[in-house]
Amino acid sequence: MTIYMQSLRTKTIHQAQLKLSKHRELGELSNLNVFEVADLLDKIRKANTKEVEENSLFFSVNMN
C-alpha cells in the first residue's frame, strides 16, 4: 500500500510540474488561470511535505 501511495504521489508531482513548466513556457498564451496555478503549486508543496514527514517518522521509528 505504501509503495502505491508513493508512486501516486510521484506521479501527481510530476504531472503538476509538467503543467507548470508548460504554463511558464507559454506565458500569457497559457490557458491556466491564477487559481489553477496556485492549486498545482499547493499539490507539489503538500506532496513534498508529506514525504518529509513520512521519512522523519520512519527514521524516528527505526531509531527506537
Protein backbone atom coordinates (compact mmCIF):
# COMPACT_ATOMS: atom_id res chain seq x y z
CA MET A 1 0.00 0.00 0.00
CA THR A 2 2.79 2.44 0.83
CA ILE A 3 4.57 1.83 -2.46
CA TYR A 4 1.33 2.55 -4.29
CA MET A 5 0.87 5.83 -2.39
CA GLN A 6 4.47 6.87 -3.08
CA SER A 7 4.01 6.08 -6.76
CA LEU A 8 0.77 8.05 -6.88
CA ARG A 9 2.40 10.99 -5.12
CA THR A 10 5.35 10.93 -7.50
CA LYS A 11 3.01 10.83 -10.49
CA THR A 12 0.96 13.73 -9.13
CA ILE A 13 4.06 15.83 -8.53
CA HIS A 14 5.43 15.05 -11.97
CA GLN A 15 2.17 15.97 -13.71
CA ALA A 16 1.86 19.21 -11.74
CA GLN A 17 5.46 20.16 -12.54
CA LEU A 18 4.89 19.40 -16.22
CA LYS A 19 1.77 21.60 -16.34
CA LEU A 20 3.61 24.42 -14.58
CA SER A 21 6.53 24.07 -16.98
CA LYS A 22 4.20 24.35 -19.98
CA HIS A 23 2.49 27.33 -18.36
CA ARG A 24 5.86 29.02 -17.86
CA GLU A 25 6.84 28.43 -21.50
CA LEU A 26 3.55 29.69 -22.92
CA GLY A 27 3.40 32.75 -20.69
CA GLU A 28 0.33 34.85 -21.48
CA LEU A 29 -0.85 32.31 -24.06
CA SER A 30 -1.33 29.68 -21.35
CA ASN A 31 -4.88 28.57 -20.65
CA LEU A 32 -4.25 28.16 -16.90
CA ASN A 33 -5.64 30.83 -14.61
CA VAL A 34 -4.13 32.02 -11.35
CA PHE A 35 -6.22 29.63 -9.25
CA GLU A 36 -5.20 26.59 -11.28
CA VAL A 37 -1.52 27.52 -10.99
CA ALA A 38 -1.90 28.03 -7.24
CA ASP A 39 -3.60 24.62 -6.97
CA LEU A 40 -0.72 22.95 -8.81
CA LEU A 41 1.83 24.64 -6.56
CA ASP A 42 -0.14 23.53 -3.49
CA LYS A 43 -0.18 19.93 -4.71
CA ILE A 44 3.59 19.96 -5.11
CA ARG A 45 4.18 21.54 -1.69
CA LYS A 46 1.77 19.21 0.11
CA ALA A 47 3.28 16.13 -1.51
CA ASN A 48 6.79 17.21 -0.59
CA THR A 49 5.72 17.98 2.98
CA LYS A 50 4.08 14.58 3.39
CA GLU A 51 7.19 12.87 2.04
CA VAL A 52 9.41 14.66 4.56
CA GLU A 53 7.01 13.83 7.40
CA GLU A 54 6.91 10.16 6.42
CA ASN A 55 10.69 10.00 6.17
CA SER A 56 11.15 11.60 9.58
CA LEU A 57 8.56 9.27 11.11
CA PHE A 58 10.28 6.26 9.55
CA PHE A 59 13.66 7.47 10.81
CA SER A 60 12.39 8.03 14.36
CA VAL A 61 10.74 4.58 14.42
CA ASN A 62 13.97 2.94 13.28
CA MET A 63 15.97 4.76 15.94
CA ASN A 64 13.78 3.35 18.73
